């Protein structure tokens, strides 16, 4: 793989695919596309699952009509991911209530180049186990994902998504592979692999706050790397804050660009 615009496009396409897939599980046929931007509406009041992904710079008025006005009319929050190298007009978007948040680093790798390290720290050996999430455990998975939004509306809305997934046959949501980490039998960490047409995406890795600093998140990441190495996919992608790239770089990922993040809360 040449780590260039084509590699960053893998990340953009994965974001588009995941947004439309997740929204479509709950709210079919509510992903729409115009040139340069994809809009997905999950039907929830969730900025995690209501998303727009743009891959080109366009006049703010177009984003307003196609994305902002659409969600504002429904009193729904959303997240906008901007993948193009040239920036949008932050000031104009801010006037519409769309606020710039922390940008993330787009990362990609050919899976065969990944280096797995499934050796657990001594303190976790025999205590920490990882396993795919059963239908019954989706509620637990959602509770861990929602824990980062303590006191915000986003938390209950996010949990509701996973509760509703329990009603959907596994084969209809098979592109989402959820994993739980259990320490002495208690669920303490969660993460997901999402299979798009041309890449396997690492998403939503989280450890409960009171269990951080023990190497659990690192172990979860390496467990997912092992899953990727045993998959049929050629490429993997991930998004990471600029100050948290080390583990991905250590494993073999390359930084391939920046993805700007914006959020709207009505």
C-alpha atoms as a PDB file:
ATOM      1  CA  UNK A   1       0.000   0.000   0.000  1.00  0.00           C
ATOM      2  CA  UNK A   2       1.215   3.494  -0.781  1.00  0.00           C
ATOM      3  CA  UNK A   3       0.403   5.680   2.195  1.00  0.00           C
ATOM      4  CA  UNK A   4      -1.068   8.590   0.343  1.00  0.00           C
ATOM      5  CA  UNK A   5      -4.475  10.011  -0.455  1.00  0.00           C
ATOM      6  CA  UNK A   6      -5.663   6.539  -1.445  1.00  0.00           C
ATOM      7  CA  UNK A   7      -4.895   5.242   2.056  1.00  0.00           C
ATOM      8  CA  UNK A   8      -6.768   8.102   3.684  1.00  0.00           C
ATOM      9  CA  UNK A   9      -9.700   7.363   1.386  1.00  0.00           C
ATOM     10  CA  UNK A  10      -9.877   3.910   2.992  1.00  0.00           C
ATOM     11  CA  UNK A  11     -10.612   5.637   6.284  1.00  0.00           C
ATOM     12  CA  UNK A  12     -13.210   7.937   4.729  1.00  0.00           C
ATOM     13  CA  UNK A  13     -14.977   5.053   3.014  1.00  0.00           C
ATOM     14  CA  UNK A  14     -14.990   3.066   6.252  1.00  0.00           C
ATOM     15  CA  UNK A  15     -16.573   6.000   8.102  1.00  0.00           C
ATOM     16  CA  UNK A  16     -19.223   6.334   5.398  1.00  0.00           C
ATOM     17  CA  UNK A  17     -19.921   2.621   5.346  1.00  0.00           C
ATOM     18  CA  UNK A  18     -20.114   2.252   9.114  1.00  0.00           C
ATOM     19  CA  UNK A  19     -22.372   5.281   9.509  1.00  0.00           C
ATOM     20  CA  UNK A  20     -24.826   4.059   6.891  1.00  0.00           C
ATOM     21  CA  UNK A  21     -24.696   0.452   8.128  1.00  0.00           C
ATOM     22  CA  UNK A  22     -25.346   1.270  11.783  1.00  0.00           C
ATOM     23  CA  UNK A  23     -28.084   3.771  10.973  1.00  0.00           C
ATOM     24  CA  UNK A  24     -29.671   1.357   8.522  1.00  0.00           C
ATOM     25  CA  UNK A  25     -29.988  -1.381  11.134  1.00  0.00           C
ATOM     26  CA  UNK A  26     -32.462   0.774  13.044  1.00  0.00           C
ATOM     27  CA  UNK A  27     -33.736   3.164  10.381  1.00  0.00           C
ATOM     28  CA  UNK A  28     -33.565   1.594   6.892  1.00  0.00           C
ATOM     29  CA  UNK A  29     -33.198   3.793   3.807  1.00  0.00           C
ATOM     30  CA  UNK A  30     -32.265   6.876   5.824  1.00  0.00           C
ATOM     31  CA  UNK A  31     -28.790   7.285   4.396  1.00  0.00           C
ATOM     32  CA  UNK A  32     -28.654   9.837   1.579  1.00  0.00           C
ATOM     33  CA  UNK A  33     -25.771  11.040  -0.549  1.00  0.00           C
ATOM     34  CA  UNK A  34     -24.982  14.043  -2.677  1.00  0.00           C
ATOM     35  CA  UNK A  35     -21.655  14.798  -4.305  1.00  0.00           C
ATOM     36  CA  UNK A  36     -19.052  14.897  -1.581  1.00  0.00           C
ATOM     37  CA  UNK A  37     -21.162  14.130   1.508  1.00  0.00           C
ATOM     38  CA  UNK A  38     -23.052  11.163   2.953  1.00  0.00           C
ATOM     39  CA  UNK A  39     -25.746  11.695   5.629  1.00  0.00           C
ATOM     40  CA  UNK A  40     -26.984   8.878   7.871  1.00  0.00           C
ATOM     41  CA  UNK A  41     -29.929   9.164  10.281  1.00  0.00           C
ATOM     42  CA  UNK A  42     -30.315   6.394  12.877  1.00  0.00           C
ATOM     43  CA  UNK A  43     -33.620   7.720  14.203  1.00  0.00           C
ATOM     44  CA  UNK A  44     -32.046   8.108  17.650  1.00  0.00           C
ATOM     45  CA  UNK A  45     -31.145  11.375  19.365  1.00  0.00           C
ATOM     46  CA  UNK A  46     -27.502  10.330  19.126  1.00  0.00           C
ATOM     47  CA  UNK A  47     -24.523  12.143  17.691  1.00  0.00           C
ATOM     48  CA  UNK A  48     -22.717   8.779  17.690  1.00  0.00           C
ATOM     49  CA  UNK A  49     -25.138   7.199  15.215  1.00  0.00           C
ATOM     50  CA  UNK A  50     -26.389  10.279  13.334  1.00  0.00           C
ATOM     51  CA  UNK A  51     -23.466  11.144  11.101  1.00  0.00           C
ATOM     52  CA  UNK A  52     -22.364  12.973   8.005  1.00  0.00           C
ATOM     53  CA  UNK A  53     -19.082  12.260   6.238  1.00  0.00           C
ATOM     54  CA  UNK A  54     -17.659  14.743   3.753  1.00  0.00           C
ATOM     55  CA  UNK A  55     -14.756  14.059   1.410  1.00  0.00           C
ATOM     56  CA  UNK A  56     -14.581  17.388  -0.396  1.00  0.00           C
ATOM     57  CA  UNK A  57     -14.818  21.070   0.472  1.00  0.00           C
ATOM     58  CA  UNK A  58     -18.164  22.602  -0.396  1.00  0.00           C
ATOM     59  CA  UNK A  59     -19.960  25.869   0.354  1.00  0.00           C
ATOM     60  CA  UNK A  60     -21.341  25.989   3.884  1.00  0.00           C
ATOM     61  CA  UNK A  61     -24.834  26.625   2.525  1.00  0.00           C
ATOM     62  CA  UNK A  62     -24.869  23.159   0.934  1.00  0.00           C
ATOM     63  CA  UNK A  63     -23.912  21.471   4.200  1.00  0.00           C
ATOM     64  CA  UNK A  64     -26.539  23.601   5.916  1.00  0.00           C
ATOM     65  CA  UNK A  65     -29.338  22.548   3.579  1.00  0.00           C
ATOM     66  CA  UNK A  66     -28.395  18.883   3.278  1.00  0.00           C
ATOM     67  CA  UNK A  67     -27.142  18.110   6.788  1.00  0.00           C
ATOM     68  CA  UNK A  68     -27.685  20.838   9.392  1.00  0.00           C
ATOM     69  CA  UNK A  69     -31.255  21.788   8.476  1.00  0.00           C
ATOM     70  CA  UNK A  70     -32.210  18.121   8.147  1.00  0.00           C
ATOM     71  CA  UNK A  71     -31.120  17.193  11.665  1.00  0.00           C
ATOM     72  CA  UNK A  72     -32.175  20.545  13.185  1.00  0.00           C
ATOM     73  CA  UNK A  73     -35.742  19.973  11.967  1.00  0.00           C
ATOM     74  CA  UNK A  74     -35.688  16.643  13.829  1.00  0.00           C
ATOM     75  CA  UNK A  75     -34.070  18.169  16.936  1.00  0.00           C
ATOM     76  CA  UNK A  76     -31.340  15.556  16.540  1.00  0.00           C
ATOM     77  CA  UNK A  77     -27.622  15.862  17.270  1.00  0.00           C
ATOM     78  CA  UNK A  78     -25.075  14.609  14.757  1.00  0.00           C
ATOM     79  CA  UNK A  79     -21.353  14.320  14.110  1.00  0.00           C
ATOM     80  CA  UNK A  80     -19.731  15.556  10.911  1.00  0.00           C
ATOM     81  CA  UNK A  81     -16.456  13.937   9.814  1.00  0.00           C
ATOM     82  CA  UNK A  82     -14.517  15.952   7.253  1.00  0.00           C
ATOM     83  CA  UNK A  83     -11.907  13.910   5.399  1.00  0.00           C
ATOM     84  CA  UNK A  84     -10.701  16.351   2.731  1.00  0.00           C
ATOM     85  CA  UNK A  85      -7.277  17.906   3.219  1.00  0.00           C
ATOM     86  CA  UNK A  86      -8.639  21.422   2.765  1.00  0.00           C
ATOM     87  CA  UNK A  87     -10.593  22.733   5.758  1.00  0.00           C
ATOM     88  CA  UNK A  88     -14.212  23.743   5.941  1.00  0.00           C
ATOM     89  CA  UNK A  89     -15.146  27.237   7.134  1.00  0.00           C
ATOM     90  CA  UNK A  90     -15.216  26.708  10.893  1.00  0.00           C
ATOM     91  CA  UNK A  91     -16.589  30.169  11.633  1.00  0.00           C
ATOM     92  CA  UNK A  92     -19.576  29.756   9.320  1.00  0.00           C
ATOM     93  CA  UNK A  93     -20.323  26.276  10.681  1.00  0.00           C
ATOM     94  CA  UNK A  94     -20.088  27.588  14.249  1.00  0.00           C
ATOM     95  CA  UNK A  95     -22.768  30.163  13.459  1.00  0.00           C
ATOM     96  CA  UNK A  96     -25.017  27.234  12.511  1.00  0.00           C
ATOM     97  CA  UNK A  97     -24.330  25.506  15.823  1.00  0.00           C
ATOM     98  CA  UNK A  98     -21.853  23.009  14.335  1.00  0.00           C
ATOM     99  CA  UNK A  99     -18.830  23.137  16.641  1.00  0.00           C
ATOM    100  CA  UNK A 100     -15.303  21.975  15.824  1.00  0.00           C
ATOM    101  CA  UNK A 101     -14.053  19.220  18.126  1.00  0.00           C
ATOM    102  CA  UNK A 102     -10.734  17.431  18.427  1.00  0.00           C
ATOM    103  CA  UNK A 103      -9.432  16.238  15.078  1.00  0.00           C
ATOM    104  CA  UNK A 104      -8.341  12.613  14.824  1.00  0.00           C
ATOM    105  CA  UNK A 105      -5.448  11.046  12.975  1.00  0.00           C
ATOM    106  CA  UNK A 106      -6.447   8.661  10.180  1.00  0.00           C
ATOM    107  CA  UNK A 107      -4.348   5.500  10.262  1.00  0.00           C
ATOM    108  CA  UNK A 108      -4.060   2.548   7.887  1.00  0.00           C
ATOM    109  CA  UNK A 109      -2.027  -0.600   7.360  1.00  0.00           C
ATOM    110  CA  UNK A 110      -1.836  -3.726   5.258  1.00  0.00           C
ATOM    111  CA  UNK A 111      -3.027  -6.366   7.708  1.00  0.00           C
ATOM    112  CA  UNK A 112      -0.210  -8.768   6.885  1.00  0.00           C
ATOM    113  CA  UNK A 113       2.208  -6.138   8.275  1.00  0.00           C
ATOM    114  CA  UNK A 114       0.530  -6.013  11.689  1.00  0.00           C
ATOM    115  CA  UNK A 115       2.530  -7.342  14.611  1.00  0.00           C
ATOM    116  CA  UNK A 116       0.461  -9.118  17.246  1.00  0.00           C
ATOM    117  CA  UNK A 117       1.469  -9.297  20.899  1.00  0.00           C
ATOM    118  CA  UNK A 118      -1.093 -11.258  22.897  1.00  0.00           C
ATOM    119  CA  UNK A 119       1.169 -11.719  25.929  1.00  0.00           C
ATOM    120  CA  UNK A 120      -0.754 -10.308  28.875  1.00  0.00           C
ATOM    121  CA  UNK A 121       0.952  -8.393  31.689  1.00  0.00           C
ATOM    122  CA  UNK A 122       1.701 -10.757  34.551  1.00  0.00           C
ATOM    123  CA  UNK A 123      -0.878  -9.088  36.803  1.00  0.00           C
ATOM    124  CA  UNK A 124      -3.634  -9.868  34.268  1.00  0.00           C
ATOM    125  CA  UNK A 125      -2.730 -13.439  33.394  1.00  0.00           C
ATOM    126  CA  UNK A 126      -5.461 -15.879  34.279  1.00  0.00           C
ATOM    127  CA  UNK A 127      -7.754 -12.980  35.157  1.00  0.00           C
ATOM    128  CA  UNK A 128      -8.453 -11.106  31.900  1.00  0.00           C
ATOM    129  CA  UNK A 129     -10.340 -12.796  29.080  1.00  0.00           C
ATOM    130  CA  UNK A 130     -11.718 -11.547  25.772  1.00  0.00           C
ATOM    131  CA  UNK A 131     -14.655 -12.995  23.898  1.00  0.00           C
ATOM    132  CA  UNK A 132     -17.155 -12.067  21.170  1.00  0.00           C
ATOM    133  CA  UNK A 133     -20.329 -10.443  22.444  1.00  0.00           C
ATOM    134  CA  UNK A 134     -23.395 -12.660  22.514  1.00  0.00           C
ATOM    135  CA  UNK A 135     -26.828 -11.236  21.770  1.00  0.00           C
ATOM    136  CA  UNK A 136     -27.645 -11.342  25.471  1.00  0.00           C
ATOM    137  CA  UNK A 137     -24.465  -9.394  26.317  1.00  0.00           C
ATOM    138  CA  UNK A 138     -25.151  -6.505  23.921  1.00  0.00           C
ATOM    139  CA  UNK A 139     -26.748  -4.597  26.802  1.00  0.00           C
ATOM    140  CA  UNK A 140     -23.550  -4.968  28.826  1.00  0.00           C
ATOM    141  CA  UNK A 141     -21.506  -3.851  25.828  1.00  0.00           C
ATOM    142  CA  UNK A 142     -23.745  -0.787  25.468  1.00  0.00           C
ATOM    143  CA  UNK A 143     -23.388   0.073  29.142  1.00  0.00           C
ATOM    144  CA  UNK A 144     -19.599   0.140  28.821  1.00  0.00           C
ATOM    145  CA  UNK A 145     -19.773   2.270  25.669  1.00  0.00           C
ATOM    146  CA  UNK A 146     -22.247   4.630  27.329  1.00  0.00           C
ATOM    147  CA  UNK A 147     -20.163   5.018  30.485  1.00  0.00           C
ATOM    148  CA  UNK A 148     -18.059   7.752  28.872  1.00  0.00           C
ATOM    149  CA  UNK A 149     -21.128  10.028  28.655  1.00  0.00           C
ATOM    150  CA  UNK A 150     -22.013  10.190  32.337  1.00  0.00           C
ATOM    151  CA  UNK A 151     -24.764  12.765  32.818  1.00  0.00           C
ATOM    152  CA  UNK A 152     -25.238  13.420  29.093  1.00  0.00           C
ATOM    153  CA  UNK A 153     -28.210  12.430  26.933  1.00  0.00           C
ATOM    154  CA  UNK A 154     -25.821  10.625  24.604  1.00  0.00           C
ATOM    155  CA  UNK A 155     -25.234   7.816  27.118  1.00  0.00           C
ATOM    156  CA  UNK A 156     -28.813   6.491  27.312  1.00  0.00           C
ATOM    157  CA  UNK A 157     -29.288   6.962  23.558  1.00  0.00           C
ATOM    158  CA  UNK A 158     -26.146   4.951  22.863  1.00  0.00           C
ATOM    159  CA  UNK A 159     -27.296   2.176  25.219  1.00  0.00           C
ATOM    160  CA  UNK A 160     -30.636   2.150  23.427  1.00  0.00           C
ATOM    161  CA  UNK A 161     -28.876   1.395  20.131  1.00  0.00           C
ATOM    162  CA  UNK A 162     -27.320  -1.776  21.520  1.00  0.00           C
ATOM    163  CA  UNK A 163     -30.557  -2.805  23.230  1.00  0.00           C
ATOM    164  CA  UNK A 164     -32.346  -2.560  19.895  1.00  0.00           C
ATOM    165  CA  UNK A 165     -29.601  -4.570  18.209  1.00  0.00           C
ATOM    166  CA  UNK A 166     -30.730  -7.514  20.340  1.00  0.00           C
ATOM    167  CA  UNK A 167     -33.904  -7.599  18.248  1.00  0.00           C
ATOM    168  CA  UNK A 168     -31.949  -7.885  14.984  1.00  0.00           C
ATOM    169  CA  UNK A 169     -30.792 -11.337  13.814  1.00  0.00           C
ATOM    170  CA  UNK A 170     -27.026 -11.709  14.074  1.00  0.00           C
ATOM    171  CA  UNK A 171     -26.626 -12.418  10.357  1.00  0.00           C
ATOM    172  CA  UNK A 172     -28.166  -9.010   9.561  1.00  0.00           C
ATOM    173  CA  UNK A 173     -25.553  -7.213  11.688  1.00  0.00           C
ATOM    174  CA  UNK A 174     -22.663  -9.525  10.884  1.00  0.00           C
ATOM    175  CA  UNK A 175     -20.322  -6.751   9.695  1.00  0.00           C
ATOM    176  CA  UNK A 176     -20.096  -5.538  13.286  1.00  0.00           C
ATOM    177  CA  UNK A 177     -17.925  -7.740  15.495  1.00  0.00           C
ATOM    178  CA  UNK A 178     -18.178  -6.777  19.161  1.00  0.00           C
ATOM    179  CA  UNK A 179     -15.780  -7.912  21.886  1.00  0.00           C
ATOM    180  CA  UNK A 180     -15.854  -7.710  25.682  1.00  0.00           C
ATOM    181  CA  UNK A 181     -12.953  -7.908  28.065  1.00  0.00           C
ATOM    182  CA  UNK A 182     -13.770  -9.486  31.438  1.00  0.00           C
ATOM    183  CA  UNK A 183     -11.529  -9.159  34.476  1.00  0.00           C
ATOM    184  CA  UNK A 184     -12.275 -11.875  37.031  1.00  0.00           C
ATOM    185  CA  UNK A 185     -15.583 -12.357  35.226  1.00  0.00           C
ATOM    186  CA  UNK A 186     -16.625  -8.695  35.280  1.00  0.00           C
ATOM    187  CA  UNK A 187     -17.011  -6.821  31.989  1.00  0.00           C
ATOM    188  CA  UNK A 188     -14.525  -3.917  32.053  1.00  0.00           C
ATOM    189  CA  UNK A 189     -13.593  -3.185  28.412  1.00  0.00           C
ATOM    190  CA  UNK A 190     -15.212  -3.241  24.986  1.00  0.00           C
ATOM    191  CA  UNK A 191     -14.306  -2.732  21.342  1.00  0.00           C
ATOM    192  CA  UNK A 192     -15.521  -3.369  17.820  1.00  0.00           C
ATOM    193  CA  UNK A 193     -14.237  -4.410  14.418  1.00  0.00           C
ATOM    194  CA  UNK A 194     -16.291  -3.204  11.457  1.00  0.00           C
ATOM    195  CA  UNK A 195     -15.920  -4.833   8.058  1.00  0.00           C
ATOM    196  CA  UNK A 196     -16.413  -2.492   5.119  1.00  0.00           C
ATOM    197  CA  UNK A 197     -15.909  -3.585   1.525  1.00  0.00           C
ATOM    198  CA  UNK A 198     -12.188  -2.786   1.475  1.00  0.00           C
ATOM    199  CA  UNK A 199     -10.970  -2.490   5.079  1.00  0.00           C
ATOM    200  CA  UNK A 200     -11.417  -3.730   8.620  1.00  0.00           C
ATOM    201  CA  UNK A 201     -11.968  -0.828  11.003  1.00  0.00           C
ATOM    202  CA  UNK A 202     -10.967  -0.652  14.675  1.00  0.00           C
ATOM    203  CA  UNK A 203     -13.685   1.310  16.501  1.00  0.00           C
ATOM    204  CA  UNK A 204     -14.926   2.232  19.969  1.00  0.00           C
ATOM    205  CA  UNK A 205     -12.199   0.691  22.143  1.00  0.00           C
ATOM    206  CA  UNK A 206     -12.917   1.694  25.719  1.00  0.00           C
ATOM    207  CA  UNK A 207     -12.010   0.585  29.239  1.00  0.00           C
ATOM    208  CA  UNK A 208     -14.109   1.542  32.256  1.00  0.00           C
ATOM    209  CA  UNK A 209     -12.447   4.492  33.947  1.00  0.00           C
ATOM    210  CA  UNK A 210     -11.752   2.741  37.242  1.00  0.00           C
ATOM    211  CA  UNK A 211      -9.849  -0.032  35.444  1.00  0.00           C
ATOM    212  CA  UNK A 212      -7.598   2.136  33.311  1.00  0.00           C
ATOM    213  CA  UNK A 213      -3.840   2.161  33.709  1.00  0.00           C
ATOM    214  CA  UNK A 214      -3.526  -1.613  34.101  1.00  0.00           C
ATOM    215  CA  UNK A 215      -2.832  -2.546  30.482  1.00  0.00           C
ATOM    216  CA  UNK A 216      -6.385  -3.752  29.790  1.00  0.00           C
ATOM    217  CA  UNK A 217      -6.984  -1.405  26.856  1.00  0.00           C
ATOM    218  CA  UNK A 218      -3.655  -2.350  25.311  1.00  0.00           C
ATOM    219  CA  UNK A 219      -4.491  -6.041  25.697  1.00  0.00           C
ATOM    220  CA  UNK A 220      -7.902  -5.499  24.083  1.00  0.00           C
ATOM    221  CA  UNK A 221      -6.285  -3.744  21.141  1.00  0.00           C
ATOM    222  CA  UNK A 222      -3.842  -6.596  20.610  1.00  0.00           C
ATOM    223  CA  UNK A 223      -6.691  -9.086  20.830  1.00  0.00           C
ATOM    224  CA  UNK A 224      -8.424  -7.249  17.980  1.00  0.00           C
ATOM    225  CA  UNK A 225      -5.150  -7.230  16.033  1.00  0.00           C
ATOM    226  CA  UNK A 226      -5.105 -10.997  16.381  1.00  0.00           C
ATOM    227  CA  UNK A 227      -8.658 -11.175  15.059  1.00  0.00           C
ATOM    228  CA  UNK A 228      -7.668  -9.006  12.101  1.00  0.00           C
ATOM    229  CA  UNK A 229      -4.689 -11.220  11.277  1.00  0.00           C
ATOM    230  CA  UNK A 230      -7.055 -14.187  11.062  1.00  0.00           C
ATOM    231  CA  UNK A 231      -9.513 -12.361   8.811  1.00  0.00           C
ATOM    232  CA  UNK A 232      -9.683 -12.280   5.005  1.00  0.00           C
ATOM    233  CA  UNK A 233      -9.278  -8.504   4.831  1.00  0.00           C
ATOM    234  CA  UNK A 234      -6.260  -6.907   3.198  1.00  0.00           C
ATOM    235  CA  UNK A 235      -6.284  -3.537   4.962  1.00  0.00           C
ATOM    236  CA  UNK A 236      -7.116  -2.188   8.406  1.00  0.00           C
ATOM    237  CA  UNK A 237      -7.936   1.381   9.441  1.00  0.00           C
ATOM    238  CA  UNK A 238      -8.296   3.272  12.712  1.00  0.00           C
ATOM    239  CA  UNK A 239      -8.766   6.784  14.066  1.00  0.00           C
ATOM    240  CA  UNK A 240      -6.747   8.052  17.019  1.00  0.00           C
ATOM    241  CA  UNK A 241      -6.192  11.319  18.896  1.00  0.00           C
ATOM    242  CA  UNK A 242      -2.857  12.883  17.961  1.00  0.00           C
ATOM    243  CA  UNK A 243      -1.454  12.174  21.438  1.00  0.00           C
ATOM    244  CA  UNK A 244      -2.493   8.499  21.411  1.00  0.00           C
ATOM    245  CA  UNK A 245      -0.941   7.116  18.228  1.00  0.00           C
ATOM    246  CA  UNK A 246       1.953   5.228  19.830  1.00  0.00           C
ATOM    247  CA  UNK A 247       0.262   1.849  20.226  1.00  0.00           C
ATOM    248  CA  UNK A 248      -1.027   1.821  16.655  1.00  0.00           C
ATOM    249  CA  UNK A 249       2.339   2.909  15.264  1.00  0.00           C
ATOM    250  CA  UNK A 250       4.040   0.228  17.335  1.00  0.00           C
ATOM    251  CA  UNK A 251       1.741  -2.388  15.818  1.00  0.00           C
ATOM    252  CA  UNK A 252       2.374  -1.328  12.232  1.00  0.00           C
ATOM    253  CA  UNK A 253      -0.202   1.356  11.419  1.00  0.00           C
ATOM    254  CA  UNK A 254       0.846   4.492   9.548  1.00  0.00           C
ATOM    255  CA  UNK A 255      -0.630   7.957   9.978  1.00  0.00           C
ATOM    256  CA  UNK A 256      -2.149   8.944   6.632  1.00  0.00           C
ATOM    257  CA  UNK A 257      -3.820  12.279   7.357  1.00  0.00           C
ATOM    258  CA  UNK A 258      -6.211  14.142   9.602  1.00  0.00           C
ATOM    259  CA  UNK A 259      -9.977  13.842   9.935  1.00  0.00           C
ATOM    260  CA  UNK A 260     -11.732  16.920  11.297  1.00  0.00           C
ATOM    261  CA  UNK A 261     -14.605  16.338  13.707  1.00  0.00           C
ATOM    262  CA  UNK A 262     -17.622  18.600  14.207  1.00  0.00           C
ATOM    263  CA  UNK A 263     -20.657  18.157  16.438  1.00  0.00           C
ATOM    264  CA  UNK A 264     -24.151  19.607  16.471  1.00  0.00           C
ATOM    265  CA  UNK A 265     -26.408  19.566  19.524  1.00  0.00           C
ATOM    266  CA  UNK A 266     -29.839  21.175  19.061  1.00  0.00           C
END
